[in-house]
Amino acid sequence: MADVVFTPNLQRHVECPRREAAGATVREVLDAVFADNPRLRGYVVDERGALRKHMSVFIDGRQISDRERLSDPVESRSEIYVMQALSGG
């Protein structure tokens, strides 16, 4: 199972402890996490299921390329980091 980590800046808004979840794609892994924590879904993805504009997801240190379908492949021992992408100046 993939290890899913949510950064502290996201945890200020909704409880989302580190956890393991099964899935072959980012979508499948996140859906498994959201099944146990439905409130978290609205912070990470929009109503179409696409990654929100100010969110970033990394698999094993690389940013995902498919922000719409979340189809990037996930290995069984991957580390997935979900974070708010901060911007401004």
PDB file of N, CA and C in Angstrom:
ATOM      1  N   MET A   1       0.835  -1.184   0.000  1.00  0.00           N
ATOM      2  CA  MET A   1       0.000   0.000   0.000  1.00  0.00           C
ATOM      3  C   MET A   1       0.878   1.245   0.000  1.00  0.00           C
ATOM      4  N   ALA A   2       0.381   2.285  -0.626  1.00  0.00           N
ATOM      5  CA  ALA A   2       1.096   3.556  -0.670  1.00  0.00           C
ATOM      6  C   ALA A   2       0.956   4.270   0.668  1.00  0.00           C
ATOM      7  N   ASP A   3       1.983   5.012   1.023  1.00  0.00           N
ATOM      8  CA  ASP A   3       1.993   5.822   2.238  1.00  0.00           C
ATOM      9  C   ASP A   3       1.579   7.232   1.831  1.00  0.00           C
ATOM     10  N   VAL A   4       0.480   7.745   2.395  1.00  0.00           N
ATOM     11  CA  VAL A   4      -0.058   9.055   2.017  1.00  0.00           C
ATOM     12  C   VAL A   4       0.150  10.024   3.171  1.00  0.00           C
ATOM     13  N   VAL A   5       0.798  11.155   2.856  1.00  0.00           N
ATOM     14  CA  VAL A   5       1.134  12.149   3.860  1.00  0.00           C
ATOM     15  C   VAL A   5       0.520  13.487   3.456  1.00  0.00           C
ATOM     16  N   PHE A   6      -0.134  14.137   4.404  1.00  0.00           N
ATOM     17  CA  PHE A   6      -0.708  15.459   4.193  1.00  0.00           C
ATOM     18  C   PHE A   6       0.112  16.459   5.002  1.00  0.00           C
ATOM     19  N   THR A   7       0.536  17.538   4.377  1.00  0.00           N
ATOM     20  CA  THR A   7       1.415  18.489   5.051  1.00  0.00           C
ATOM     21  C   THR A   7       0.667  19.257   6.142  1.00  0.00           C
ATOM     22  N   PRO A   8       1.416  19.768   7.124  1.00  0.00           N
ATOM     23  CA  PRO A   8       0.793  20.458   8.263  1.00  0.00           C
ATOM     24  C   PRO A   8      -0.099  21.641   7.886  1.00  0.00           C
ATOM     25  N   ASN A   9       0.238  22.365   6.811  1.00  0.00           N
ATOM     26  CA  ASN A   9      -0.606  23.507   6.455  1.00  0.00           C
ATOM     27  C   ASN A   9      -2.011  23.062   6.049  1.00  0.00           C
ATOM     28  N   LEU A  10      -2.170  21.876   5.512  1.00  0.00           N
ATOM     29  CA  LEU A  10      -3.499  21.336   5.192  1.00  0.00           C
ATOM     30  C   LEU A  10      -4.174  20.808   6.457  1.00  0.00           C
ATOM     31  N   GLN A  11      -3.389  20.239   7.352  1.00  0.00           N
ATOM     32  CA  GLN A  11      -3.945  19.689   8.580  1.00  0.00           C
ATOM     33  C   GLN A  11      -4.520  20.768   9.501  1.00  0.00           C
ATOM     34  N   ARG A  12      -4.158  22.023   9.276  1.00  0.00           N
ATOM     35  CA  ARG A  12      -4.763  23.117  10.055  1.00  0.00           C
ATOM     36  C   ARG A  12      -6.251  23.249   9.752  1.00  0.00           C
ATOM     37  N   HIS A  13      -6.668  22.830   8.570  1.00  0.00           N
ATOM     38  CA  HIS A  13      -8.053  23.000   8.130  1.00  0.00           C
ATOM     39  C   HIS A  13      -8.915  21.765   8.333  1.00  0.00           C
ATOM     40  N   VAL A  14      -8.310  20.598   8.225  1.00  0.00           N
ATOM     41  CA  VAL A  14      -9.063  19.347   8.341  1.00  0.00           C
ATOM     42  C   VAL A  14      -8.119  18.254   8.851  1.00  0.00           C
ATOM     43  N   GLU A  15      -8.610  17.425   9.738  1.00  0.00           N
ATOM     44  CA  GLU A  15      -7.778  16.345  10.266  1.00  0.00           C
ATOM     45  C   GLU A  15      -7.470  15.355   9.146  1.00  0.00           C
ATOM     46  N   CYS A  16      -6.189  15.113   8.943  1.00  0.00           N
ATOM     47  CA  CYS A  16      -5.778  14.197   7.876  1.00  0.00           C
ATOM     48  C   CYS A  16      -4.437  13.582   8.238  1.00  0.00           C
ATOM     49  N   PRO A  17      -4.462  12.630   9.142  1.00  0.00           N
ATOM     50  CA  PRO A  17      -3.215  11.980   9.545  1.00  0.00           C
ATOM     51  C   PRO A  17      -2.618  11.140   8.415  1.00  0.00           C
ATOM     52  N   ARG A  18      -1.341  10.880   8.534  1.00  0.00           N
ATOM     53  CA  ARG A  18      -0.635   9.989   7.597  1.00  0.00           C
ATOM     54  C   ARG A  18      -1.328   8.627   7.613  1.00  0.00           C
ATOM     55  N   ARG A  19      -1.442   8.014   6.442  1.00  0.00           N
ATOM     56  CA  ARG A  19      -2.050   6.681   6.405  1.00  0.00           C
ATOM     57  C   ARG A  19      -1.621   5.924   5.169  1.00  0.00           C
ATOM     58  N   GLU A  20      -1.883   4.646   5.182  1.00  0.00           N
ATOM     59  CA  GLU A  20      -1.618   3.804   4.023  1.00  0.00           C
ATOM     60  C   GLU A  20      -2.926   3.559   3.288  1.00  0.00           C
ATOM     61  N   ALA A  21      -2.840   3.493   1.959  1.00  0.00           N
ATOM     62  CA  ALA A  21      -4.036   3.246   1.153  1.00  0.00           C
ATOM     63  C   ALA A  21      -3.619   2.497  -0.113  1.00  0.00           C
ATOM     64  N   ALA A  22      -4.484   1.614  -0.561  1.00  0.00           N
ATOM     65  CA  ALA A  22      -4.215   0.817  -1.758  1.00  0.00           C
ATOM     66  C   ALA A  22      -4.744   1.523  -2.999  1.00  0.00           C
ATOM     67  N   GLY A  23      -4.101   1.248  -4.127  1.00  0.00           N
ATOM     68  CA  GLY A  23      -4.563   1.766  -5.405  1.00  0.00           C
ATOM     69  C   GLY A  23      -3.439   1.769  -6.416  1.00  0.00           C
ATOM     70  N   ALA A  24      -3.806   1.670  -7.686  1.00  0.00           N
ATOM     71  CA  ALA A  24      -2.825   1.647  -8.767  1.00  0.00           C
ATOM     72  C   ALA A  24      -2.579   3.028  -9.363  1.00  0.00           C
ATOM     73  N   THR A  25      -3.465   3.993  -9.051  1.00  0.00           N
ATOM     74  CA  THR A  25      -3.326   5.368  -9.539  1.00  0.00           C
ATOM     75  C   THR A  25      -3.531   6.332  -8.371  1.00  0.00           C
ATOM     76  N   VAL A  26      -3.160   7.578  -8.589  1.00  0.00           N
ATOM     77  CA  VAL A  26      -3.386   8.605  -7.564  1.00  0.00           C
ATOM     78  C   VAL A  26      -4.873   8.673  -7.230  1.00  0.00           C
ATOM     79  N   ARG A  27      -5.736   8.625  -8.237  1.00  0.00           N
ATOM     80  CA  ARG A  27      -7.191   8.671  -8.019  1.00  0.00           C
ATOM     81  C   ARG A  27      -7.634   7.549  -7.083  1.00  0.00           C
ATOM     82  N   GLU A  28      -7.210   6.323  -7.342  1.00  0.00           N
ATOM     83  CA  GLU A  28      -7.627   5.184  -6.524  1.00  0.00           C
ATOM     84  C   GLU A  28      -7.136   5.317  -5.083  1.00  0.00           C
ATOM     85  N   VAL A  29      -5.904   5.762  -4.916  1.00  0.00           N
ATOM     86  CA  VAL A  29      -5.364   5.923  -3.565  1.00  0.00           C
ATOM     87  C   VAL A  29      -6.109   7.019  -2.819  1.00  0.00           C
ATOM     88  N   LEU A  30      -6.286   8.168  -3.464  1.00  0.00           N
ATOM     89  CA  LEU A  30      -6.987   9.266  -2.790  1.00  0.00           C
ATOM     90  C   LEU A  30      -8.438   8.913  -2.511  1.00  0.00           C
ATOM     91  N   ASP A  31      -9.104   8.213  -3.418  1.00  0.00           N
ATOM     92  CA  ASP A  31     -10.489   7.798  -3.159  1.00  0.00           C
ATOM     93  C   ASP A  31     -10.574   6.898  -1.932  1.00  0.00           C
ATOM     94  N   ALA A  32      -9.566   6.048  -1.733  1.00  0.00           N
ATOM     95  CA  ALA A  32      -9.545   5.189  -0.543  1.00  0.00           C
ATOM     96  C   ALA A  32      -9.399   6.034   0.721  1.00  0.00           C
ATOM     97  N   VAL A  33      -8.573   7.062   0.653  1.00  0.00           N
ATOM     98  CA  VAL A  33      -8.411   7.964   1.799  1.00  0.00           C
ATOM     99  C   VAL A  33      -9.700   8.751   2.043  1.00  0.00           C
ATOM    100  N   PHE A  34     -10.305   9.260   0.968  1.00  0.00           N
ATOM    101  CA  PHE A  34     -11.530  10.050   1.103  1.00  0.00           C
ATOM    102  C   PHE A  34     -12.699   9.220   1.621  1.00  0.00           C
ATOM    103  N   ALA A  35     -12.702   7.930   1.343  1.00  0.00           N
ATOM    104  CA  ALA A  35     -13.779   7.058   1.831  1.00  0.00           C
ATOM    105  C   ALA A  35     -13.828   7.069   3.352  1.00  0.00           C
ATOM    106  N   ASP A  36     -12.661   7.175   3.977  1.00  0.00           N
ATOM    107  CA  ASP A  36     -12.596   7.227   5.444  1.00  0.00           C
ATOM    108  C   ASP A  36     -12.644   8.654   5.978  1.00  0.00           C
ATOM    109  N   ASN A  37     -12.452   9.638   5.121  1.00  0.00           N
ATOM    110  CA  ASN A  37     -12.402  11.034   5.545  1.00  0.00           C
ATOM    111  C   ASN A  37     -13.046  11.912   4.470  1.00  0.00           C
ATOM    112  N   PRO A  38     -14.385  11.858   4.329  1.00  0.00           N
ATOM    113  CA  PRO A  38     -15.057  12.562   3.238  1.00  0.00           C
ATOM    114  C   PRO A  38     -14.859  14.078   3.253  1.00  0.00           C
ATOM    115  N   ARG A  39     -14.683  14.665   4.422  1.00  0.00           N
ATOM    116  CA  ARG A  39     -14.488  16.119   4.500  1.00  0.00           C
ATOM    117  C   ARG A  39     -13.200  16.549   3.800  1.00  0.00           C
ATOM    118  N   LEU A  40     -12.210  15.698   3.814  1.00  0.00           N
ATOM    119  CA  LEU A  40     -10.929  16.002   3.188  1.00  0.00           C
ATOM    120  C   LEU A  40     -11.051  16.159   1.672  1.00  0.00           C
ATOM    121  N   ARG A  41     -11.969  15.428   1.062  1.00  0.00           N
ATOM    122  CA  ARG A  41     -12.139  15.472  -0.401  1.00  0.00           C
ATOM    123  C   ARG A  41     -12.282  16.908  -0.911  1.00  0.00           C
ATOM    124  N   GLY A  42     -13.138  17.701  -0.287  1.00  0.00           N
ATOM    125  CA  GLY A  42     -13.387  19.063  -0.740  1.00  0.00           C
ATOM    126  C   GLY A  42     -12.193  19.986  -0.653  1.00  0.00           C
ATOM    127  N   TYR A  43     -11.234  19.660   0.185  1.00  0.00           N
ATOM    128  CA  TYR A  43     -10.017  20.467   0.280  1.00  0.00           C
ATOM    129  C   TYR A  43      -9.015  20.112  -0.808  1.00  0.00           C
ATOM    130  N   VAL A  44      -9.058  18.882  -1.282  1.00  0.00           N
ATOM    131  CA  VAL A  44      -8.033  18.403  -2.217  1.00  0.00           C
ATOM    132  C   VAL A  44      -8.501  18.459  -3.671  1.00  0.00           C
ATOM    133  N   VAL A  45      -9.722  18.014  -3.940  1.00  0.00           N
ATOM    134  CA  VAL A  45     -10.233  17.987  -5.319  1.00  0.00           C
ATOM    135  C   VAL A  45     -11.498  18.833  -5.440  1.00  0.00           C
ATOM    136  N   ASP A  46     -11.782  19.262  -6.667  1.00  0.00           N
ATOM    137  CA  ASP A  46     -12.984  20.058  -6.905  1.00  0.00           C
ATOM    138  C   ASP A  46     -14.187  19.158  -7.186  1.00  0.00           C
ATOM    139  N   GLU A  47     -15.306  19.749  -7.557  1.00  0.00           N
ATOM    140  CA  GLU A  47     -16.544  18.992  -7.771  1.00  0.00           C
ATOM    141  C   GLU A  47     -16.462  18.023  -8.949  1.00  0.00           C
ATOM    142  N   ARG A  48     -15.491  18.226  -9.864  1.00  0.00           N
ATOM    143  CA  ARG A  48     -15.271  17.310 -10.988  1.00  0.00           C
ATOM    144  C   ARG A  48     -14.284  16.199 -10.648  1.00  0.00           C
ATOM    145  N   GLY A  49     -13.653  16.311  -9.460  1.00  0.00           N
ATOM    146  CA  GLY A  49     -12.665  15.324  -9.062  1.00  0.00           C
ATOM    147  C   GLY A  49     -11.247  15.676  -9.467  1.00  0.00           C
ATOM    148  N   ALA A  50     -11.064  16.850 -10.080  1.00  0.00           N
ATOM    149  CA  ALA A  50      -9.726  17.299 -10.470  1.00  0.00           C
ATOM    150  C   ALA A  50      -9.032  17.927  -9.264  1.00  0.00           C
ATOM    151  N   LEU A  51      -7.725  17.884  -9.256  1.00  0.00           N
ATOM    152  CA  LEU A  51      -6.952  18.491  -8.187  1.00  0.00           C
ATOM    153  C   LEU A  51      -7.209  19.991  -8.174  1.00  0.00           C
ATOM    154  N   ARG A  52      -7.484  20.541  -7.005  1.00  0.00           N
ATOM    155  CA  ARG A  52      -7.724  21.978  -6.895  1.00  0.00           C
ATOM    156  C   ARG A  52      -6.482  22.760  -7.313  1.00  0.00           C
ATOM    157  N   LYS A  53      -6.717  23.984  -7.774  1.00  0.00           N
ATOM    158  CA  LYS A  53      -5.665  24.832  -8.326  1.00  0.00           C
ATOM    159  C   LYS A  53      -4.482  25.003  -7.371  1.00  0.00           C
ATOM    160  N   HIS A  54      -4.759  25.200  -6.108  1.00  0.00           N
ATOM    161  CA  HIS A  54      -3.691  25.472  -5.153  1.00  0.00           C
ATOM    162  C   HIS A  54      -3.306  24.249  -4.326  1.00  0.00           C
ATOM    163  N   MET A  55      -3.401  23.071  -4.949  1.00  0.00           N
ATOM    164  CA  MET A  55      -2.958  21.825  -4.308  1.00  0.00           C
ATOM    165  C   MET A  55      -1.894  21.194  -5.198  1.00  0.00           C
ATOM    166  N   SER A  56      -0.979  20.490  -4.572  1.00  0.00           N
ATOM    167  CA  SER A  56       0.051  19.748  -5.302  1.00  0.00           C
ATOM    168  C   SER A  56       0.144  18.344  -4.715  1.00  0.00           C
ATOM    169  N   VAL A  57       0.426  17.383  -5.599  1.00  0.00           N
ATOM    170  CA  VAL A  57       0.610  15.997  -5.171  1.00  0.00           C
ATOM    171  C   VAL A  57       1.923  15.503  -5.777  1.00  0.00           C
ATOM    172  N   PHE A  58       2.734  14.876  -4.939  1.00  0.00           N
ATOM    173  CA  PHE A  58       4.007  14.306  -5.359  1.00  0.00           C
ATOM    174  C   PHE A  58       4.008  12.813  -5.068  1.00  0.00           C
ATOM    175  N   ILE A  59       4.510  12.034  -6.022  1.00  0.00           N
ATOM    176  CA  ILE A  59       4.694  10.591  -5.838  1.00  0.00           C
ATOM    177  C   ILE A  59       6.192  10.340  -5.865  1.00  0.00           C
ATOM    178  N   ASP A  60       6.699   9.807  -4.787  1.00  0.00           N
ATOM    179  CA  ASP A  60       8.122   9.485  -4.691  1.00  0.00           C
ATOM    180  C   ASP A  60       8.996  10.663  -5.133  1.00  0.00           C
ATOM    181  N   GLY A  61       8.621  11.865  -4.700  1.00  0.00           N
ATOM    182  CA  GLY A  61       9.416  13.057  -4.970  1.00  0.00           C
ATOM    183  C   GLY A  61       9.169  13.735  -6.302  1.00  0.00           C
ATOM    184  N   ARG A  62       8.268  13.200  -7.123  1.00  0.00           N
ATOM    185  CA  ARG A  62       7.968  13.816  -8.428  1.00  0.00           C
ATOM    186  C   ARG A  62       6.525  14.290  -8.479  1.00  0.00           C
ATOM    187  N   GLN A  63       6.337  15.514  -8.954  1.00  0.00           N
ATOM    188  CA  GLN A  63       4.997  16.070  -9.046  1.00  0.00           C
ATOM    189  C   GLN A  63       4.177  15.316 -10.094  1.00  0.00           C
ATOM    190  N   ILE A  64       2.904  15.056  -9.782  1.00  0.00           N
ATOM    191  CA  ILE A  64       2.066  14.333 -10.736  1.00  0.00           C
ATOM    192  C   ILE A  64       1.849  15.179 -11.981  1.00  0.00           C
ATOM    193  N   SER A  65       1.597  14.527 -13.107  1.00  0.00           N
ATOM    194  CA  SER A  65       1.387  15.242 -14.369  1.00  0.00           C
ATOM    195  C   SER A  65      -0.086  15.367 -14.725  1.00  0.00           C
ATOM    196  N   ASP A  66      -0.925  14.466 -14.256  1.00  0.00           N
ATOM    197  CA  ASP A  66      -2.358  14.473 -14.597  1.00  0.00           C
ATOM    198  C   ASP A  66      -3.174  15.030 -13.431  1.00  0.00           C
ATOM    199  N   ARG A  67      -3.418  16.332 -13.473  1.00  0.00           N
ATOM    200  CA  ARG A  67      -4.177  17.004 -12.410  1.00  0.00           C
ATOM    201  C   ARG A  67      -5.688  16.849 -12.591  1.00  0.00           C
ATOM    202  N   GLU A  68      -6.125  16.437 -13.769  1.00  0.00           N
ATOM    203  CA  GLU A  68      -7.556  16.290 -14.053  1.00  0.00           C
ATOM    204  C   GLU A  68      -8.092  14.921 -13.653  1.00  0.00           C
ATOM    205  N   ARG A  69      -7.496  13.862 -14.186  1.00  0.00           N
ATOM    206  CA  ARG A  69      -7.985  12.497 -13.941  1.00  0.00           C
ATOM    207  C   ARG A  69      -7.238  11.797 -12.811  1.00  0.00           C
ATOM    208  N   LEU A  70      -6.084  12.375 -12.420  1.00  0.00           N
ATOM    209  CA  LEU A  70      -5.249  11.794 -11.365  1.00  0.00           C
ATOM    210  C   LEU A  70      -4.859  10.353 -11.701  1.00  0.00           C
ATOM    211  N   SER A  71      -4.466  10.165 -12.958  1.00  0.00           N
ATOM    212  CA  SER A  71      -4.184   8.823 -13.462  1.00  0.00           C
ATOM    213  C   SER A  71      -2.719   8.398 -13.323  1.00  0.00           C
ATOM    214  N   ASP A  72      -1.880   9.239 -12.730  1.00  0.00           N
ATOM    215  CA  ASP A  72      -0.477   8.869 -12.558  1.00  0.00           C
ATOM    216  C   ASP A  72      -0.389   7.542 -11.800  1.00  0.00           C
ATOM    217  N   PRO A  73       0.489   6.632 -12.242  1.00  0.00           N
ATOM    218  CA  PRO A  73       0.589   5.329 -11.574  1.00  0.00           C
ATOM    219  C   PRO A  73       1.255   5.430 -10.203  1.00  0.00           C
ATOM    220  N   VAL A  74       0.825   4.540  -9.328  1.00  0.00           N
ATOM    221  CA  VAL A  74       1.360   4.469  -7.968  1.00  0.00           C
ATOM    222  C   VAL A  74       1.840   3.043  -7.726  1.00  0.00           C
ATOM    223  N   GLU A  75       3.058   2.916  -7.218  1.00  0.00           N
ATOM    224  CA  GLU A  75       3.598   1.613  -6.852  1.00  0.00           C
ATOM    225  C   GLU A  75       3.107   1.245  -5.451  1.00  0.00           C
ATOM    226  N   SER A  76       3.163  -0.019  -5.115  1.00  0.00           N
ATOM    227  CA  SER A  76       2.639  -0.473  -3.824  1.00  0.00           C
ATOM    228  C   SER A  76       3.384   0.134  -2.637  1.00  0.00           C
ATOM    229  N   ARG A  77       4.632   0.544  -2.803  1.00  0.00           N
ATOM    230  CA  ARG A  77       5.388   1.142  -1.701  1.00  0.00           C
ATOM    231  C   ARG A  77       5.692   2.616  -1.953  1.00  0.00           C
ATOM    232  N   SER A  78       4.910   3.277  -2.791  1.00  0.00           N
ATOM    233  CA  SER A  78       5.131   4.690  -3.075  1.00  0.00           C
ATOM    234  C   SER A  78       4.799   5.562  -1.874  1.00  0.00           C
ATOM    235  N   GLU A  79       5.441   6.728  -1.839  1.00  0.00           N
ATOM    236  CA  GLU A  79       5.108   7.760  -0.868  1.00  0.00           C
ATOM    237  C   GLU A  79       4.430   8.892  -1.622  1.00  0.00           C
ATOM    238  N   ILE A  80       3.242   9.234  -1.175  1.00  0.00           N
ATOM    239  CA  ILE A  80       2.464  10.293  -1.813  1.00  0.00           C
ATOM    240  C   ILE A  80       2.345  11.449  -0.830  1.00  0.00           C
ATOM    241  N   TYR A  81       2.738  12.643  -1.267  1.00  0.00           N
ATOM    242  CA  TYR A  81       2.635  13.838  -0.444  1.00  0.00           C
ATOM    243  C   TYR A  81       1.595  14.773  -1.058  1.00  0.00           C
ATOM    244  N   VAL A  82       0.648  15.177  -0.226  1.00  0.00           N
ATOM    245  CA  VAL A  82      -0.412  16.093  -0.652  1.00  0.00           C
ATOM    246  C   VAL A  82      -0.208  17.385   0.119  1.00  0.00           C
ATOM    247  N   MET A  83      -0.110  18.499  -0.614  1.00  0.00           N
ATOM    248  CA  MET A  83       0.158  19.781   0.047  1.00  0.00           C
ATOM    249  C   MET A  83      -0.525  20.933  -0.658  1.00  0.00           C
ATOM    250  N   GLN A  84      -0.683  22.006   0.081  1.00  0.00           N
ATOM    251  CA  GLN A  84      -1.166  23.233  -0.520  1.00  0.00           C
ATOM    252  C   GLN A  84       0.007  23.879  -1.224  1.00  0.00           C
ATOM    253  N   ALA A  85      -0.226  24.326  -2.451  1.00  0.00           N
ATOM    254  CA  ALA A  85       0.803  25.020  -3.215  1.00  0.00           C
ATOM    255  C   ALA A  85       0.652  26.502  -2.911  1.00  0.00           C
ATOM    256  N   LEU A  86       1.516  27.030  -2.093  1.00  0.00           N
ATOM    257  CA  LEU A  86       1.426  28.423  -1.678  1.00  0.00           C
ATOM    258  C   LEU A  86       1.974  29.329  -2.758  1.00  0.00           C
ATOM    259  N   SER A  87       1.329  30.466  -2.938  1.00  0.00           N
ATOM    260  CA  SER A  87       1.776  31.414  -3.941  1.00  0.00           C
ATOM    261  C   SER A  87       1.622  32.832  -3.387  1.00  0.00           C
ATOM    262  N   GLY A  88       2.087  33.760  -4.123  1.00  0.00           N
ATOM    263  CA  GLY A  88       1.975  35.151  -3.698  1.00  0.00           C
ATOM    264  C   GLY A  88       3.345  35.781  -3.574  1.00  0.00           C
ATOM    265  N   GLY A  89       3.359  37.005  -3.088  1.00  0.00           N
ATOM    266  CA  GLY A  89       4.662  37.662  -2.993  1.00  0.00           C
ATOM    267  C   GLY A  89       4.680  38.727  -1.964  1.00  0.00           C
TER     268      GLY A  89
END
